[in-house]
Amino acid sequence: MPVGGLNPEAVFNQYRIGGKHVWLPNKDSSFHHKLYGIPGGSKFLDEKDHVVPPLREILSLIAEGDMILSLSAPERLKKDSSLSMKQRERALKRIEVGIP
């Protein structure tokens, strides 16, 4: 099973065994890559600010399993807040913002 990035399979395995916490990518995020001049990285939203399909699947699993979605790095909060608003549509009950 691949690790890192947006990985619905890893979240499904957490869900299946009763895991309660899912962290979105930090060092694998496109924000982190852009900040440090590294190409690539996991994008949460597409060009039209729609949640990308792998993340949509992850968010559905989080909502279904009543898991906690963790976002990191306060400098990303502005961009992630648009993501957080979209999560209300997906019935996520718990979102945590922390500093890694």
PDB file of N, CA and C in Angstrom:
ATOM      1  N   MET A   1       0.847  -1.174   0.000  1.00  0.00           N
ATOM      2  CA  MET A   1       0.000   0.000   0.000  1.00  0.00           C
ATOM      3  C   MET A   1       0.893   1.239   0.000  1.00  0.00           C
ATOM      4  N   PRO A   2       0.630   2.188  -0.911  1.00  0.00           N
ATOM      5  CA  PRO A   2       1.423   3.418  -0.926  1.00  0.00           C
ATOM      6  C   PRO A   2       1.148   4.269   0.314  1.00  0.00           C
ATOM      7  N   VAL A   3       2.129   5.060   0.693  1.00  0.00           N
ATOM      8  CA  VAL A   3       1.958   5.975   1.826  1.00  0.00           C
ATOM      9  C   VAL A   3       2.204   7.399   1.359  1.00  0.00           C
ATOM     10  N   GLY A   4       1.698   8.360   2.125  1.00  0.00           N
ATOM     11  CA  GLY A   4       1.898   9.766   1.796  1.00  0.00           C
ATOM     12  C   GLY A   4       0.847  10.268   0.835  1.00  0.00           C
ATOM     13  N   GLY A   5       0.764  11.583   0.737  1.00  0.00           N
ATOM     14  CA  GLY A   5      -0.200  12.190  -0.162  1.00  0.00           C
ATOM     15  C   GLY A   5      -1.631  11.956   0.283  1.00  0.00           C
ATOM     16  N   LEU A   6      -2.554  12.051  -0.644  1.00  0.00           N
ATOM     17  CA  LEU A   6      -3.971  11.779  -0.371  1.00  0.00           C
ATOM     18  C   LEU A   6      -4.200  10.304  -0.658  1.00  0.00           C
ATOM     19  N   ASN A   7      -4.424   9.512   0.376  1.00  0.00           N
ATOM     20  CA  ASN A   7      -4.437   8.067   0.246  1.00  0.00           C
ATOM     21  C   ASN A   7      -5.733   7.474   0.806  1.00  0.00           C
ATOM     22  N   PRO A   8      -6.785   7.384  -0.024  1.00  0.00           N
ATOM     23  CA  PRO A   8      -8.049   6.827   0.451  1.00  0.00           C
ATOM     24  C   PRO A   8      -7.920   5.410   1.006  1.00  0.00           C
ATOM     25  N   GLU A   9      -7.016   4.610   0.435  1.00  0.00           N
ATOM     26  CA  GLU A   9      -6.841   3.229   0.906  1.00  0.00           C
ATOM     27  C   GLU A   9      -6.339   3.193   2.350  1.00  0.00           C
ATOM     28  N   ALA A  10      -5.404   4.063   2.685  1.00  0.00           N
ATOM     29  CA  ALA A  10      -4.895   4.132   4.058  1.00  0.00           C
ATOM     30  C   ALA A  10      -5.996   4.575   5.016  1.00  0.00           C
ATOM     31  N   VAL A  11      -6.805   5.544   4.598  1.00  0.00           N
ATOM     32  CA  VAL A  11      -7.906   6.016   5.444  1.00  0.00           C
ATOM     33  C   VAL A  11      -8.951   4.918   5.610  1.00  0.00           C
ATOM     34  N   PHE A  12      -9.221   4.164   4.547  1.00  0.00           N
ATOM     35  CA  PHE A  12     -10.165   3.056   4.649  1.00  0.00           C
ATOM     36  C   PHE A  12      -9.679   2.030   5.664  1.00  0.00           C
ATOM     37  N   ASN A  13      -8.386   1.728   5.650  1.00  0.00           N
ATOM     38  CA  ASN A  13      -7.847   0.772   6.624  1.00  0.00           C
ATOM     39  C   ASN A  13      -7.979   1.301   8.046  1.00  0.00           C
ATOM     40  N   GLN A  14      -7.744   2.585   8.242  1.00  0.00           N
ATOM     41  CA  GLN A  14      -7.962   3.205   9.558  1.00  0.00           C
ATOM     42  C   GLN A  14      -9.426   3.089   9.967  1.00  0.00           C
ATOM     43  N   TYR A  15     -10.299   3.409   9.051  1.00  0.00           N
ATOM     44  CA  TYR A  15     -11.747   3.330   9.281  1.00  0.00           C
ATOM     45  C   TYR A  15     -12.145   1.908   9.693  1.00  0.00           C
ATOM     46  N   ARG A  16     -11.630   0.939   8.947  1.00  0.00           N
ATOM     47  CA  ARG A  16     -11.979  -0.463   9.167  1.00  0.00           C
ATOM     48  C   ARG A  16     -11.577  -0.969  10.553  1.00  0.00           C
ATOM     49  N   ILE A  17     -10.447  -0.479  11.063  1.00  0.00           N
ATOM     50  CA  ILE A  17      -9.989  -0.952  12.377  1.00  0.00           C
ATOM     51  C   ILE A  17     -10.422  -0.029  13.518  1.00  0.00           C
ATOM     52  N   GLY A  18     -11.249   0.960  13.195  1.00  0.00           N
ATOM     53  CA  GLY A  18     -11.774   1.841  14.242  1.00  0.00           C
ATOM     54  C   GLY A  18     -10.933   3.060  14.528  1.00  0.00           C
ATOM     55  N   GLY A  19     -10.016   3.416  13.613  1.00  0.00           N
ATOM     56  CA  GLY A  19      -9.205   4.621  13.793  1.00  0.00           C
ATOM     57  C   GLY A  19     -10.086   5.859  13.906  1.00  0.00           C
ATOM     58  N   LYS A  20      -9.616   6.858  14.612  1.00  0.00           N
ATOM     59  CA  LYS A  20     -10.437   8.050  14.849  1.00  0.00           C
ATOM     60  C   LYS A  20      -9.800   9.356  14.408  1.00  0.00           C
ATOM     61  N   HIS A  21      -8.590   9.319  13.856  1.00  0.00           N
ATOM     62  CA  HIS A  21      -7.904  10.562  13.520  1.00  0.00           C
ATOM     63  C   HIS A  21      -7.281  10.439  12.135  1.00  0.00           C
ATOM     64  N   VAL A  22      -7.526  11.413  11.264  1.00  0.00           N
ATOM     65  CA  VAL A  22      -6.927  11.428   9.928  1.00  0.00           C
ATOM     66  C   VAL A  22      -6.269  12.785   9.717  1.00  0.00           C
ATOM     67  N   TRP A  23      -4.980  12.769   9.417  1.00  0.00           N
ATOM     68  CA  TRP A  23      -4.232  13.987   9.151  1.00  0.00           C
ATOM     69  C   TRP A  23      -4.090  14.155   7.654  1.00  0.00           C
ATOM     70  N   LEU A  24      -4.408  15.336   7.158  1.00  0.00           N
ATOM     71  CA  LEU A  24      -4.158  15.615   5.750  1.00  0.00           C
ATOM     72  C   LEU A  24      -2.659  15.838   5.560  1.00  0.00           C
ATOM     73  N   PRO A  25      -2.171  15.641   4.333  1.00  0.00           N
ATOM     74  CA  PRO A  25      -0.731  15.784   4.093  1.00  0.00           C
ATOM     75  C   PRO A  25      -0.218  17.154   4.508  1.00  0.00           C
ATOM     76  N   ASN A  26       0.964  17.146   5.083  1.00  0.00           N
ATOM     77  CA  ASN A  26       1.627  18.384   5.442  1.00  0.00           C
ATOM     78  C   ASN A  26       2.818  18.573   4.497  1.00  0.00           C
ATOM     79  N   LYS A  27       3.852  17.749   4.662  1.00  0.00           N
ATOM     80  CA  LYS A  27       5.024  17.883   3.789  1.00  0.00           C
ATOM     81  C   LYS A  27       4.732  17.439   2.365  1.00  0.00           C
ATOM     82  N   ASP A  28       3.707  16.622   2.173  1.00  0.00           N
ATOM     83  CA  ASP A  28       3.339  16.195   0.824  1.00  0.00           C
ATOM     84  C   ASP A  28       2.367  17.163   0.161  1.00  0.00           C
ATOM     85  N   SER A  29       1.925  18.192   0.872  1.00  0.00           N
ATOM     86  CA  SER A  29       0.921  19.103   0.305  1.00  0.00           C
ATOM     87  C   SER A  29       1.553  20.024  -0.740  1.00  0.00           C
ATOM     88  N   SER A  30       0.746  20.447  -1.698  1.00  0.00           N
ATOM     89  CA  SER A  30       1.239  21.379  -2.710  1.00  0.00           C
ATOM     90  C   SER A  30       1.637  22.702  -2.069  1.00  0.00           C
ATOM     91  N   PHE A  31       0.972  23.082  -0.979  1.00  0.00           N
ATOM     92  CA  PHE A  31       1.327  24.318  -0.274  1.00  0.00           C
ATOM     93  C   PHE A  31       2.767  24.236   0.236  1.00  0.00           C
ATOM     94  N   HIS A  32       3.112  23.144   0.901  1.00  0.00           N
ATOM     95  CA  HIS A  32       4.460  22.956   1.440  1.00  0.00           C
ATOM     96  C   HIS A  32       5.485  22.955   0.294  1.00  0.00           C
ATOM     97  N   HIS A  33       5.165  22.240  -0.762  1.00  0.00           N
ATOM     98  CA  HIS A  33       6.079  22.184  -1.905  1.00  0.00           C
ATOM     99  C   HIS A  33       6.300  23.573  -2.495  1.00  0.00           C
ATOM    100  N   LYS A  34       5.224  24.318  -2.665  1.00  0.00           N
ATOM    101  CA  LYS A  34       5.331  25.675  -3.227  1.00  0.00           C
ATOM    102  C   LYS A  34       6.149  26.572  -2.298  1.00  0.00           C
ATOM    103  N   LEU A  35       5.916  26.470  -1.001  1.00  0.00           N
ATOM    104  CA  LEU A  35       6.618  27.282  -0.013  1.00  0.00           C
ATOM    105  C   LEU A  35       8.128  27.069  -0.087  1.00  0.00           C
ATOM    106  N   TYR A  36       8.551  25.827  -0.340  1.00  0.00           N
ATOM    107  CA  TYR A  36       9.968  25.490  -0.360  1.00  0.00           C
ATOM    108  C   TYR A  36      10.534  25.317  -1.769  1.00  0.00           C
ATOM    109  N   GLY A  37       9.773  25.732  -2.789  1.00  0.00           N
ATOM    110  CA  GLY A  37      10.265  25.675  -4.154  1.00  0.00           C
ATOM    111  C   GLY A  37      10.413  24.269  -4.711  1.00  0.00           C
ATOM    112  N   ILE A  38       9.622  23.339  -4.199  1.00  0.00           N
ATOM    113  CA  ILE A  38       9.656  21.953  -4.664  1.00  0.00           C
ATOM    114  C   ILE A  38       8.459  21.744  -5.588  1.00  0.00           C
ATOM    115  N   PRO A  39       8.660  21.166  -6.765  1.00  0.00           N
ATOM    116  CA  PRO A  39       7.513  20.947  -7.655  1.00  0.00           C
ATOM    117  C   PRO A  39       6.584  19.844  -7.137  1.00  0.00           C
ATOM    118  N   GLY A  40       5.321  19.928  -7.521  1.00  0.00           N
ATOM    119  CA  GLY A  40       4.361  18.864  -7.200  1.00  0.00           C
ATOM    120  C   GLY A  40       3.681  19.051  -5.866  1.00  0.00           C
ATOM    121  N   GLY A  41       3.291  17.937  -5.277  1.00  0.00           N
ATOM    122  CA  GLY A  41       2.591  17.939  -3.998  1.00  0.00           C
ATOM    123  C   GLY A  41       1.124  17.634  -4.162  1.00  0.00           C
ATOM    124  N   SER A  42       0.494  17.217  -3.076  1.00  0.00           N
ATOM    125  CA  SER A  42      -0.931  16.868  -3.084  1.00  0.00           C
ATOM    126  C   SER A  42      -1.783  18.124  -3.049  1.00  0.00           C
ATOM    127  N   LYS A  43      -2.710  18.212  -3.992  1.00  0.00           N
ATOM    128  CA  LYS A  43      -3.637  19.348  -4.016  1.00  0.00           C
ATOM    129  C   LYS A  43      -4.966  18.901  -3.429  1.00  0.00           C
ATOM    130  N   PHE A  44      -5.546  19.744  -2.595  1.00  0.00           N
ATOM    131  CA  PHE A  44      -6.837  19.450  -1.971  1.00  0.00           C
ATOM    132  C   PHE A  44      -7.994  19.920  -2.841  1.00  0.00           C
ATOM    133  N   LEU A  45      -7.764  21.044  -3.540  1.00  0.00           N
ATOM    134  CA  LEU A  45      -8.809  21.640  -4.366  1.00  0.00           C
ATOM    135  C   LEU A  45      -8.297  21.765  -5.792  1.00  0.00           C
ATOM    136  N   ASP A  46      -9.201  21.645  -6.757  1.00  0.00           N
ATOM    137  CA  ASP A  46      -8.803  21.813  -8.146  1.00  0.00           C
ATOM    138  C   ASP A  46      -8.837  23.301  -8.514  1.00  0.00           C
ATOM    139  N   GLU A  47      -8.648  23.591  -9.787  1.00  0.00           N
ATOM    140  CA  GLU A  47      -8.599  24.975 -10.267  1.00  0.00           C
ATOM    141  C   GLU A  47      -9.901  25.731 -10.002  1.00  0.00           C
ATOM    142  N   LYS A  48     -10.998  25.007  -9.887  1.00  0.00           N
ATOM    143  CA  LYS A  48     -12.305  25.635  -9.649  1.00  0.00           C
ATOM    144  C   LYS A  48     -12.693  25.594  -8.167  1.00  0.00           C
ATOM    145  N   ASP A  49     -11.735  25.292  -7.302  1.00  0.00           N
ATOM    146  CA  ASP A  49     -11.949  25.182  -5.854  1.00  0.00           C
ATOM    147  C   ASP A  49     -12.922  24.066  -5.479  1.00  0.00           C
ATOM    148  N   HIS A  50     -12.977  23.015  -6.285  1.00  0.00           N
ATOM    149  CA  HIS A  50     -13.750  21.819  -5.940  1.00  0.00           C
ATOM    150  C   HIS A  50     -12.805  20.821  -5.278  1.00  0.00           C
ATOM    151  N   VAL A  51     -13.304  20.086  -4.309  1.00  0.00           N
ATOM    152  CA  VAL A  51     -12.501  19.069  -3.636  1.00  0.00           C
ATOM    153  C   VAL A  51     -12.117  17.997  -4.660  1.00  0.00           C
ATOM    154  N   VAL A  52     -10.820  17.625  -4.688  1.00  0.00           N
ATOM    155  CA  VAL A  52     -10.347  16.621  -5.647  1.00  0.00           C
ATOM    156  C   VAL A  52     -10.910  15.241  -5.271  1.00  0.00           C
ATOM    157  N   PRO A  53     -11.118  14.352  -6.266  1.00  0.00           N
ATOM    158  CA  PRO A  53     -11.755  13.052  -6.009  1.00  0.00           C
ATOM    159  C   PRO A  53     -11.144  12.209  -4.886  1.00  0.00           C
ATOM    160  N   PRO A  54      -9.799  12.061  -4.776  1.00  0.00           N
ATOM    161  CA  PRO A  54      -9.286  11.241  -3.668  1.00  0.00           C
ATOM    162  C   PRO A  54      -9.665  11.823  -2.298  1.00  0.00           C
ATOM    163  N   LEU A  55      -9.631  13.144  -2.196  1.00  0.00           N
ATOM    164  CA  LEU A  55     -10.000  13.777  -0.928  1.00  0.00           C
ATOM    165  C   LEU A  55     -11.492  13.629  -0.660  1.00  0.00           C
ATOM    166  N   ARG A  56     -12.295  13.687  -1.710  1.00  0.00           N
ATOM    167  CA  ARG A  56     -13.742  13.490  -1.547  1.00  0.00           C
ATOM    168  C   ARG A  56     -14.015  12.113  -0.928  1.00  0.00           C
ATOM    169  N   GLU A  57     -13.297  11.101  -1.418  1.00  0.00           N
ATOM    170  CA  GLU A  57     -13.441   9.741  -0.875  1.00  0.00           C
ATOM    171  C   GLU A  57     -12.979   9.682   0.584  1.00  0.00           C
ATOM    172  N   ILE A  58     -11.861  10.326   0.872  1.00  0.00           N
ATOM    173  CA  ILE A  58     -11.339  10.377   2.242  1.00  0.00           C
ATOM    174  C   ILE A  58     -12.342  11.049   3.169  1.00  0.00           C
ATOM    175  N   LEU A  59     -12.908  12.161   2.741  1.00  0.00           N
ATOM    176  CA  LEU A  59     -13.855  12.902   3.577  1.00  0.00           C
ATOM    177  C   LEU A  59     -15.124  12.098   3.832  1.00  0.00           C
ATOM    178  N   SER A  60     -15.550  11.337   2.852  1.00  0.00           N
ATOM    179  CA  SER A  60     -16.721  10.477   3.049  1.00  0.00           C
ATOM    180  C   SER A  60     -16.444   9.422   4.111  1.00  0.00           C
ATOM    181  N   LEU A  61     -15.246   8.829   4.062  1.00  0.00           N
ATOM    182  CA  LEU A  61     -14.868   7.831   5.071  1.00  0.00           C
ATOM    183  C   LEU A  61     -14.776   8.458   6.459  1.00  0.00           C
ATOM    184  N   ILE A  62     -14.209   9.656   6.532  1.00  0.00           N
ATOM    185  CA  ILE A  62     -14.091  10.354   7.815  1.00  0.00           C
ATOM    186  C   ILE A  62     -15.480  10.622   8.393  1.00  0.00           C
ATOM    187  N   ALA A  63     -16.386  11.103   7.545  1.00  0.00           N
ATOM    188  CA  ALA A  63     -17.749  11.400   8.008  1.00  0.00           C
ATOM    189  C   ALA A  63     -18.456  10.119   8.451  1.00  0.00           C
ATOM    190  N   GLU A  64     -18.350   9.073   7.643  1.00  0.00           N
ATOM    191  CA  GLU A  64     -19.027   7.818   7.958  1.00  0.00           C
ATOM    192  C   GLU A  64     -18.492   7.188   9.243  1.00  0.00           C
ATOM    193  N   GLY A  65     -17.184   7.303   9.460  1.00  0.00           N
ATOM    194  CA  GLY A  65     -16.568   6.720  10.649  1.00  0.00           C
ATOM    195  C   GLY A  65     -16.519   7.648  11.841  1.00  0.00           C
ATOM    196  N   ASP A  66     -17.118   8.835  11.725  1.00  0.00           N
ATOM    197  CA  ASP A  66     -17.093   9.845  12.786  1.00  0.00           C
ATOM    198  C   ASP A  66     -15.661  10.078  13.272  1.00  0.00           C
ATOM    199  N   MET A  67     -14.760  10.211  12.308  1.00  0.00           N
ATOM    200  CA  MET A  67     -13.350  10.424  12.602  1.00  0.00           C
ATOM    201  C   MET A  67     -13.059  11.924  12.687  1.00  0.00           C
ATOM    202  N   ILE A  68     -11.877  12.262  13.161  1.00  0.00           N
ATOM    203  CA  ILE A  68     -11.441  13.654  13.268  1.00  0.00           C
ATOM    204  C   ILE A  68     -10.559  13.982  12.064  1.00  0.00           C
ATOM    205  N   LEU A  69     -10.873  15.055  11.354  1.00  0.00           N
ATOM    206  CA  LEU A  69     -10.050  15.545  10.260  1.00  0.00           C
ATOM    207  C   LEU A  69      -9.083  16.574  10.828  1.00  0.00           C
ATOM    208  N   SER A  70      -7.784  16.352  10.644  1.00  0.00           N
ATOM    209  CA  SER A  70      -6.775  17.292  11.135  1.00  0.00           C
ATOM    210  C   SER A  70      -6.122  18.032   9.990  1.00  0.00           C
ATOM    211  N   LEU A  71      -6.130  19.351  10.105  1.00  0.00           N
ATOM    212  CA  LEU A  71      -5.435  20.233   9.175  1.00  0.00           C
ATOM    213  C   LEU A  71      -4.240  20.794   9.935  1.00  0.00           C
ATOM    214  N   SER A  72      -3.174  21.155   9.217  1.00  0.00           N
ATOM    215  CA  SER A  72      -1.997  21.659   9.923  1.00  0.00           C
ATOM    216  C   SER A  72      -1.495  22.956   9.312  1.00  0.00           C
ATOM    217  N   ALA A  73      -0.649  23.617  10.063  1.00  0.00           N
ATOM    218  CA  ALA A  73       0.047  24.836   9.676  1.00  0.00           C
ATOM    219  C   ALA A  73      -0.891  26.036   9.555  1.00  0.00           C
ATOM    220  N   PRO A  74      -0.781  26.970  10.501  1.00  0.00           N
ATOM    221  CA  PRO A  74      -1.683  28.121  10.518  1.00  0.00           C
ATOM    222  C   PRO A  74      -1.606  28.983   9.267  1.00  0.00           C
ATOM    223  N   GLU A  75      -0.447  29.011   8.579  1.00  0.00           N
ATOM    224  CA  GLU A  75      -0.357  29.828   7.375  1.00  0.00           C
ATOM    225  C   GLU A  75      -1.225  29.264   6.252  1.00  0.00           C
ATOM    226  N   ARG A  76      -1.638  28.000   6.371  1.00  0.00           N
ATOM    227  CA  ARG A  76      -2.533  27.394   5.390  1.00  0.00           C
ATOM    228  C   ARG A  76      -3.987  27.593   5.752  1.00  0.00           C
ATOM    229  N   LEU A  77      -4.253  28.133   6.919  1.00  0.00           N
ATOM    230  CA  LEU A  77      -5.620  28.197   7.420  1.00  0.00           C
ATOM    231  C   LEU A  77      -6.557  28.925   6.460  1.00  0.00           C
ATOM    232  N   LYS A  78      -6.079  29.993   5.831  1.00  0.00           N
ATOM    233  CA  LYS A  78      -6.958  30.724   4.916  1.00  0.00           C
ATOM    234  C   LYS A  78      -7.416  29.815   3.780  1.00  0.00           C
ATOM    235  N   LYS A  79      -6.503  29.101   3.153  1.00  0.00           N
ATOM    236  CA  LYS A  79      -6.862  28.187   2.065  1.00  0.00           C
ATOM    237  C   LYS A  79      -7.667  27.015   2.624  1.00  0.00           C
ATOM    238  N   ASP A  80      -7.232  26.478   3.770  1.00  0.00           N
ATOM    239  CA  ASP A  80      -7.926  25.340   4.361  1.00  0.00           C
ATOM    240  C   ASP A  80      -9.298  25.724   4.872  1.00  0.00           C
ATOM    241  N   SER A  81      -9.511  27.011   5.187  1.00  0.00           N
ATOM    242  CA  SER A  81     -10.834  27.398   5.671  1.00  0.00           C
ATOM    243  C   SER A  81     -11.868  27.226   4.569  1.00  0.00           C
ATOM    244  N   SER A  82     -11.460  27.431   3.303  1.00  0.00           N
ATOM    245  CA  SER A  82     -12.407  27.148   2.225  1.00  0.00           C
ATOM    246  C   SER A  82     -12.666  25.658   2.155  1.00  0.00           C
ATOM    247  N   LEU A  83     -11.649  24.868   2.440  1.00  0.00           N
ATOM    248  CA  LEU A  83     -11.817  23.413   2.513  1.00  0.00           C
ATOM    249  C   LEU A  83     -12.715  23.066   3.692  1.00  0.00           C
ATOM    250  N   SER A  84     -12.501  23.713   4.821  1.00  0.00           N
ATOM    251  CA  SER A  84     -13.327  23.452   5.997  1.00  0.00           C
ATOM    252  C   SER A  84     -14.790  23.758   5.730  1.00  0.00           C
ATOM    253  N   MET A  85     -15.050  24.836   5.013  1.00  0.00           N
ATOM    254  CA  MET A  85     -16.437  25.170   4.685  1.00  0.00           C
ATOM    255  C   MET A  85     -17.060  24.065   3.839  1.00  0.00           C
ATOM    256  N   LYS A  86     -16.293  23.510   2.924  1.00  0.00           N
ATOM    257  CA  LYS A  86     -16.804  22.443   2.076  1.00  0.00           C
ATOM    258  C   LYS A  86     -17.098  21.187   2.895  1.00  0.00           C
ATOM    259  N   GLN A  87     -16.405  21.017   4.018  1.00  0.00           N
ATOM    260  CA  GLN A  87     -16.603  19.820   4.817  1.00  0.00           C
ATOM    261  C   GLN A  87     -17.954  19.810   5.520  1.00  0.00           C
ATOM    262  N   ARG A  88     -18.464  20.975   5.787  1.00  0.00           N
ATOM    263  CA  ARG A  88     -19.788  21.035   6.408  1.00  0.00           C
ATOM    264  C   ARG A  88     -20.819  20.379   5.515  1.00  0.00           C
ATOM    265  N   GLU A  89     -20.593  20.482   4.204  1.00  0.00           N
ATOM    266  CA  GLU A  89     -21.484  19.835   3.250  1.00  0.00           C
ATOM    267  C   GLU A  89     -21.369  18.318   3.346  1.00  0.00           C
ATOM    268  N   ARG A  90     -20.249  17.808   3.820  1.00  0.00           N
ATOM    269  CA  ARG A  90     -19.995  16.377   3.872  1.00  0.00           C
ATOM    270  C   ARG A  90     -20.291  15.800   5.257  1.00  0.00           C
ATOM    271  N   ALA A  91     -20.868  16.579   6.130  1.00  0.00           N
ATOM    272  CA  ALA A  91     -21.294  16.133   7.456  1.00  0.00           C
ATOM    273  C   ALA A  91     -20.135  15.732   8.370  1.00  0.00           C
ATOM    274  N   LEU A  92     -18.996  16.391   8.225  1.00  0.00           N
ATOM    275  CA  LEU A  92     -17.913  16.139   9.171  1.00  0.00           C
ATOM    276  C   LEU A  92     -18.248  16.858  10.468  1.00  0.00           C
ATOM    277  N   LYS A  93     -18.100  16.157  11.552  1.00  0.00           N
ATOM    278  CA  LYS A  93     -18.453  16.742  12.842  1.00  0.00           C
ATOM    279  C   LYS A  93     -17.257  17.334  13.562  1.00  0.00           C
ATOM    280  N   ARG A  94     -16.045  16.807  13.267  1.00  0.00           N
ATOM    281  CA  ARG A  94     -14.881  17.246  14.031  1.00  0.00           C
ATOM    282  C   ARG A  94     -13.718  17.580  13.108  1.00  0.00           C
ATOM    283  N   ILE A  95     -13.256  18.829  13.206  1.00  0.00           N
ATOM    284  CA  ILE A  95     -12.105  19.285  12.442  1.00  0.00           C
ATOM    285  C   ILE A  95     -11.144  19.926  13.428  1.00  0.00           C
ATOM    286  N   GLU A  96      -9.871  19.533  13.360  1.00  0.00           N
ATOM    287  CA  GLU A  96      -8.838  20.053  14.252  1.00  0.00           C
ATOM    288  C   GLU A  96      -7.795  20.787  13.407  1.00  0.00           C
ATOM    289  N   VAL A  97      -7.370  21.944  13.857  1.00  0.00           N
ATOM    290  CA  VAL A  97      -6.275  22.663  13.202  1.00  0.00           C
ATOM    291  C   VAL A  97      -5.135  22.746  14.195  1.00  0.00           C
ATOM    292  N   GLY A  98      -3.975  22.264  13.784  1.00  0.00           N
ATOM    293  CA  GLY A  98      -2.815  22.254  14.690  1.00  0.00           C
ATOM    294  C   GLY A  98      -1.565  22.649  13.969  1.00  0.00           C
ATOM    295  N   ILE A  99      -0.498  22.778  14.716  1.00  0.00           N
ATOM    296  CA  ILE A  99       0.810  23.107  14.158  1.00  0.00           C
ATOM    297  C   ILE A  99       1.679  21.862  14.319  1.00  0.00           C
ATOM    298  N   PRO A 100       2.168  21.312  13.194  1.00  0.00           N
ATOM    299  CA  PRO A 100       2.961  20.080  13.290  1.00  0.00           C
ATOM    300  C   PRO A 100       4.301  20.315  13.933  1.00  0.00           C
TER     301      PRO A 100
END
